N, C-alpha and C. Protein backbone atom coordinates (compact mmCIF):
# COMPACT_ATOMS: atom_id res chain seq x y z
N MET A 1 -73.93 61.42 87.79
CA MET A 1 -73.72 62.85 87.64
C MET A 1 -74.59 63.37 86.50
N VAL A 2 -75.28 64.43 86.75
CA VAL A 2 -76.18 65.03 85.78
C VAL A 2 -75.42 66.14 85.04
N THR A 3 -75.45 66.10 83.71
CA THR A 3 -74.84 67.14 82.91
C THR A 3 -75.93 68.13 82.52
N LEU A 4 -75.83 69.34 83.04
CA LEU A 4 -76.83 70.36 82.74
C LEU A 4 -76.41 71.14 81.50
N ARG A 5 -77.35 71.29 80.58
CA ARG A 5 -77.11 72.04 79.35
C ARG A 5 -78.13 73.16 79.27
N PRO A 6 -77.78 74.35 79.74
CA PRO A 6 -78.76 75.45 79.78
C PRO A 6 -79.20 75.89 78.39
N SER A 7 -80.48 76.12 78.26
CA SER A 7 -81.06 76.57 77.00
C SER A 7 -82.31 77.39 77.32
N LEU A 8 -82.31 78.63 76.92
CA LEU A 8 -83.44 79.51 77.22
C LEU A 8 -84.73 79.02 76.56
N SER A 9 -84.64 78.56 75.32
CA SER A 9 -85.85 78.11 74.64
C SER A 9 -86.44 76.86 75.30
N ARG A 10 -85.58 75.91 75.73
CA ARG A 10 -86.10 74.72 76.43
C ARG A 10 -86.72 75.10 77.76
N LYS A 11 -86.14 76.08 78.45
CA LYS A 11 -86.72 76.53 79.72
C LYS A 11 -88.08 77.17 79.50
N MET A 12 -88.20 77.97 78.45
CA MET A 12 -89.49 78.62 78.17
C MET A 12 -90.56 77.59 77.85
N VAL A 13 -90.24 76.62 77.01
CA VAL A 13 -91.21 75.58 76.65
C VAL A 13 -91.55 74.73 77.87
N GLY A 14 -90.53 74.35 78.63
CA GLY A 14 -90.75 73.51 79.80
C GLY A 14 -91.62 74.17 80.86
N PHE A 15 -91.29 75.42 81.20
CA PHE A 15 -92.09 76.10 82.20
C PHE A 15 -93.48 76.46 81.67
N GLY A 16 -93.59 76.69 80.37
CA GLY A 16 -94.92 76.90 79.78
C GLY A 16 -95.79 75.67 79.92
N ALA A 17 -95.21 74.50 79.65
CA ALA A 17 -95.97 73.25 79.81
C ALA A 17 -96.31 73.01 81.28
N LEU A 18 -95.35 73.31 82.17
CA LEU A 18 -95.64 73.14 83.60
C LEU A 18 -96.73 74.10 84.07
N ALA A 19 -96.83 75.27 83.47
CA ALA A 19 -97.89 76.22 83.83
C ALA A 19 -99.24 75.75 83.32
N LEU A 20 -99.26 75.10 82.15
CA LEU A 20 -100.52 74.60 81.60
C LEU A 20 -101.00 73.34 82.32
N GLY A 21 -100.10 72.60 82.94
CA GLY A 21 -100.45 71.36 83.62
C GLY A 21 -101.53 71.51 84.68
N PRO A 22 -101.33 72.38 85.68
CA PRO A 22 -102.38 72.54 86.70
C PRO A 22 -103.71 73.04 86.13
N LEU A 23 -103.63 73.90 85.10
CA LEU A 23 -104.87 74.34 84.46
C LEU A 23 -105.60 73.15 83.84
N GLY A 24 -104.83 72.26 83.23
CA GLY A 24 -105.43 71.07 82.63
C GLY A 24 -106.01 70.12 83.66
N LEU A 25 -105.44 70.12 84.84
CA LEU A 25 -105.99 69.27 85.89
C LEU A 25 -107.33 69.80 86.38
N LEU A 26 -107.52 71.12 86.29
CA LEU A 26 -108.76 71.73 86.77
C LEU A 26 -109.83 71.84 85.68
N LEU A 27 -109.40 72.10 84.45
CA LEU A 27 -110.36 72.29 83.36
C LEU A 27 -110.66 70.96 82.66
N PRO A 28 -111.91 70.69 82.36
CA PRO A 28 -112.26 69.41 81.74
C PRO A 28 -111.92 69.32 80.26
N VAL A 29 -111.58 70.44 79.61
CA VAL A 29 -111.33 70.42 78.17
C VAL A 29 -109.86 70.25 77.81
N MET A 30 -108.99 70.16 78.82
CA MET A 30 -107.56 70.10 78.56
C MET A 30 -106.91 69.07 79.48
N PRO A 31 -106.10 68.16 78.95
CA PRO A 31 -105.45 67.17 79.80
C PRO A 31 -104.28 67.80 80.57
N GLY A 32 -104.19 67.55 81.84
CA GLY A 32 -103.14 68.16 82.65
C GLY A 32 -101.89 67.32 82.78
N LEU A 33 -102.05 66.02 82.97
CA LEU A 33 -100.88 65.16 83.19
C LEU A 33 -99.91 65.14 82.01
N PRO A 34 -100.39 65.10 80.76
CA PRO A 34 -99.40 65.16 79.66
C PRO A 34 -98.59 66.45 79.64
N PHE A 35 -99.20 67.58 80.01
CA PHE A 35 -98.46 68.83 80.05
C PHE A 35 -97.42 68.82 81.18
N LEU A 36 -97.79 68.27 82.33
CA LEU A 36 -96.83 68.17 83.43
C LEU A 36 -95.66 67.25 83.04
N ALA A 37 -95.98 66.12 82.44
CA ALA A 37 -94.92 65.20 82.02
C ALA A 37 -94.04 65.82 80.95
N LEU A 38 -94.65 66.52 80.00
CA LEU A 38 -93.87 67.18 78.95
C LEU A 38 -92.95 68.24 79.54
N GLY A 39 -93.45 69.00 80.48
CA GLY A 39 -92.63 70.04 81.12
C GLY A 39 -91.42 69.46 81.83
N VAL A 40 -91.63 68.39 82.57
CA VAL A 40 -90.51 67.74 83.27
C VAL A 40 -89.54 67.13 82.26
N TRP A 41 -90.07 66.53 81.20
CA TRP A 41 -89.20 65.91 80.19
C TRP A 41 -88.32 66.95 79.50
N VAL A 42 -88.92 68.09 79.14
CA VAL A 42 -88.16 69.13 78.44
C VAL A 42 -87.11 69.74 79.36
N LEU A 43 -87.40 69.85 80.64
CA LEU A 43 -86.48 70.48 81.58
C LEU A 43 -85.46 69.51 82.18
N ARG A 44 -85.45 68.25 81.75
CA ARG A 44 -84.58 67.26 82.37
C ARG A 44 -83.09 67.58 82.24
N ASP A 45 -82.69 68.30 81.19
CA ASP A 45 -81.29 68.69 81.02
C ASP A 45 -81.00 70.07 81.57
N GLN A 46 -82.01 70.70 82.16
CA GLN A 46 -81.85 72.06 82.67
C GLN A 46 -81.72 72.10 84.20
N TYR A 47 -82.42 71.20 84.88
CA TYR A 47 -82.47 71.22 86.34
C TYR A 47 -82.34 69.81 86.90
N VAL A 48 -81.74 69.71 88.06
CA VAL A 48 -81.54 68.41 88.71
C VAL A 48 -82.88 67.82 89.15
N TRP A 49 -83.80 68.64 89.65
CA TRP A 49 -85.09 68.12 90.11
C TRP A 49 -85.87 67.51 88.95
N ALA A 50 -85.77 68.09 87.76
CA ALA A 50 -86.47 67.52 86.61
C ALA A 50 -85.80 66.22 86.17
N HIS A 51 -84.49 66.15 86.27
CA HIS A 51 -83.78 64.91 85.93
C HIS A 51 -84.21 63.78 86.87
N ARG A 52 -84.37 64.11 88.16
CA ARG A 52 -84.84 63.10 89.11
C ARG A 52 -86.26 62.65 88.78
N GLY A 53 -87.10 63.58 88.32
CA GLY A 53 -88.46 63.22 87.92
C GLY A 53 -88.47 62.27 86.73
N VAL A 54 -87.60 62.50 85.76
CA VAL A 54 -87.50 61.61 84.61
C VAL A 54 -86.95 60.26 85.05
N ASP A 55 -86.03 60.25 86.02
CA ASP A 55 -85.54 58.97 86.53
C ASP A 55 -86.66 58.15 87.18
N MET A 56 -87.59 58.83 87.86
CA MET A 56 -88.74 58.11 88.43
C MET A 56 -89.59 57.50 87.32
N ILE A 57 -89.79 58.24 86.25
CA ILE A 57 -90.55 57.73 85.10
C ILE A 57 -89.80 56.56 84.47
N ARG A 58 -88.48 56.70 84.35
CA ARG A 58 -87.64 55.66 83.74
C ARG A 58 -87.72 54.35 84.55
N ARG A 59 -87.76 54.46 85.88
CA ARG A 59 -87.87 53.26 86.72
C ARG A 59 -89.26 52.64 86.63
N ARG A 60 -90.28 53.49 86.54
CA ARG A 60 -91.66 52.99 86.54
C ARG A 60 -92.05 52.40 85.19
N TRP A 61 -91.69 53.08 84.10
CA TRP A 61 -92.05 52.64 82.75
C TRP A 61 -90.81 52.60 81.86
N PRO A 62 -89.91 51.64 82.08
CA PRO A 62 -88.67 51.62 81.29
C PRO A 62 -88.90 51.36 79.80
N GLN A 63 -89.97 50.69 79.45
CA GLN A 63 -90.23 50.40 78.04
C GLN A 63 -90.69 51.64 77.28
N ALA A 64 -91.17 52.66 77.96
CA ALA A 64 -91.69 53.85 77.28
C ALA A 64 -90.59 54.84 76.92
N ILE A 65 -89.49 54.83 77.62
CA ILE A 65 -88.44 55.84 77.43
C ILE A 65 -87.85 55.82 76.02
N PRO A 66 -87.47 54.67 75.45
CA PRO A 66 -86.92 54.72 74.08
C PRO A 66 -87.89 55.31 73.06
N ALA A 67 -89.16 55.01 73.19
CA ALA A 67 -90.15 55.55 72.26
C ALA A 67 -90.28 57.06 72.43
N ILE A 68 -90.25 57.54 73.66
CA ILE A 68 -90.34 58.98 73.91
C ILE A 68 -89.11 59.69 73.35
N GLU A 69 -87.93 59.12 73.58
CA GLU A 69 -86.70 59.74 73.07
C GLU A 69 -86.67 59.75 71.54
N GLU A 70 -87.19 58.69 70.92
CA GLU A 70 -87.22 58.64 69.46
C GLU A 70 -88.18 59.70 68.92
N ARG A 71 -89.31 59.87 69.55
CA ARG A 71 -90.27 60.90 69.13
C ARG A 71 -89.68 62.30 69.32
N GLU A 72 -88.94 62.47 70.39
CA GLU A 72 -88.31 63.77 70.62
C GLU A 72 -87.30 64.08 69.51
N GLN A 73 -86.50 63.10 69.12
CA GLN A 73 -85.53 63.31 68.05
C GLN A 73 -86.22 63.62 66.73
N ARG A 74 -87.32 62.94 66.44
CA ARG A 74 -88.07 63.22 65.21
C ARG A 74 -88.65 64.63 65.24
N ALA A 75 -89.17 65.05 66.38
CA ALA A 75 -89.73 66.40 66.49
C ALA A 75 -88.65 67.46 66.33
N LEU A 76 -87.48 67.25 66.92
CA LEU A 76 -86.39 68.21 66.77
C LEU A 76 -85.91 68.28 65.33
N ALA A 77 -85.84 67.14 64.65
CA ALA A 77 -85.43 67.14 63.24
C ALA A 77 -86.47 67.85 62.38
N TRP A 78 -87.75 67.63 62.65
CA TRP A 78 -88.81 68.30 61.91
C TRP A 78 -88.72 69.81 62.11
N PHE A 79 -88.54 70.23 63.36
CA PHE A 79 -88.44 71.66 63.67
C PHE A 79 -87.23 72.28 62.97
N ALA A 80 -86.11 71.58 62.95
CA ALA A 80 -84.91 72.10 62.28
C ALA A 80 -85.15 72.25 60.78
N ARG A 81 -85.85 71.28 60.18
CA ARG A 81 -86.15 71.38 58.74
C ARG A 81 -87.08 72.55 58.45
N LYS A 82 -88.07 72.74 59.28
CA LYS A 82 -89.06 73.79 59.04
C LYS A 82 -88.50 75.19 59.30
N THR A 83 -87.55 75.32 60.19
CA THR A 83 -87.00 76.64 60.50
C THR A 83 -85.71 76.95 59.76
N ALA A 84 -85.21 76.02 58.97
CA ALA A 84 -83.96 76.23 58.24
C ALA A 84 -84.02 77.45 57.31
N PRO A 85 -85.09 77.64 56.53
CA PRO A 85 -85.12 78.84 55.66
C PRO A 85 -85.08 80.14 56.46
N LEU A 86 -85.77 80.17 57.57
CA LEU A 86 -85.78 81.38 58.40
C LEU A 86 -84.39 81.64 59.00
N ARG A 87 -83.73 80.58 59.43
CA ARG A 87 -82.38 80.75 59.97
C ARG A 87 -81.41 81.23 58.90
N ARG A 88 -81.57 80.76 57.67
CA ARG A 88 -80.70 81.21 56.58
C ARG A 88 -80.88 82.71 56.32
N VAL A 89 -82.11 83.20 56.40
CA VAL A 89 -82.37 84.62 56.17
C VAL A 89 -81.65 85.45 57.24
N PHE A 90 -81.71 85.03 58.48
CA PHE A 90 -81.10 85.82 59.53
C PHE A 90 -79.58 85.69 59.57
N ARG A 91 -79.02 84.64 59.03
CA ARG A 91 -77.56 84.51 58.97
C ARG A 91 -76.97 85.46 57.94
N ARG A 92 -77.70 85.70 56.87
CA ARG A 92 -77.19 86.59 55.82
C ARG A 92 -77.15 88.03 56.27
N GLY A 93 -78.13 88.43 57.08
CA GLY A 93 -78.28 89.84 57.43
C GLY A 93 -77.44 90.30 58.51
């Protein structure tokens, strides 16, 4: 059973990466596959089809998933640290 956790910001980032993916496949200056993979990874908790896509990746490259999840946690922690002052300003007002 897939637990969906809707988040507007994750949807915006995910669909933005999915939009850049095909452009990257056509343009020689931008990689397309990493953007497609990033879009599916970000949307895995938003949509069932994206969760199935991550399951295919998990079956094909099981050794890569823990490293990807660890990097995701580090990126989220970094983002939270960098945006904490801005969030404090808006909480006061």
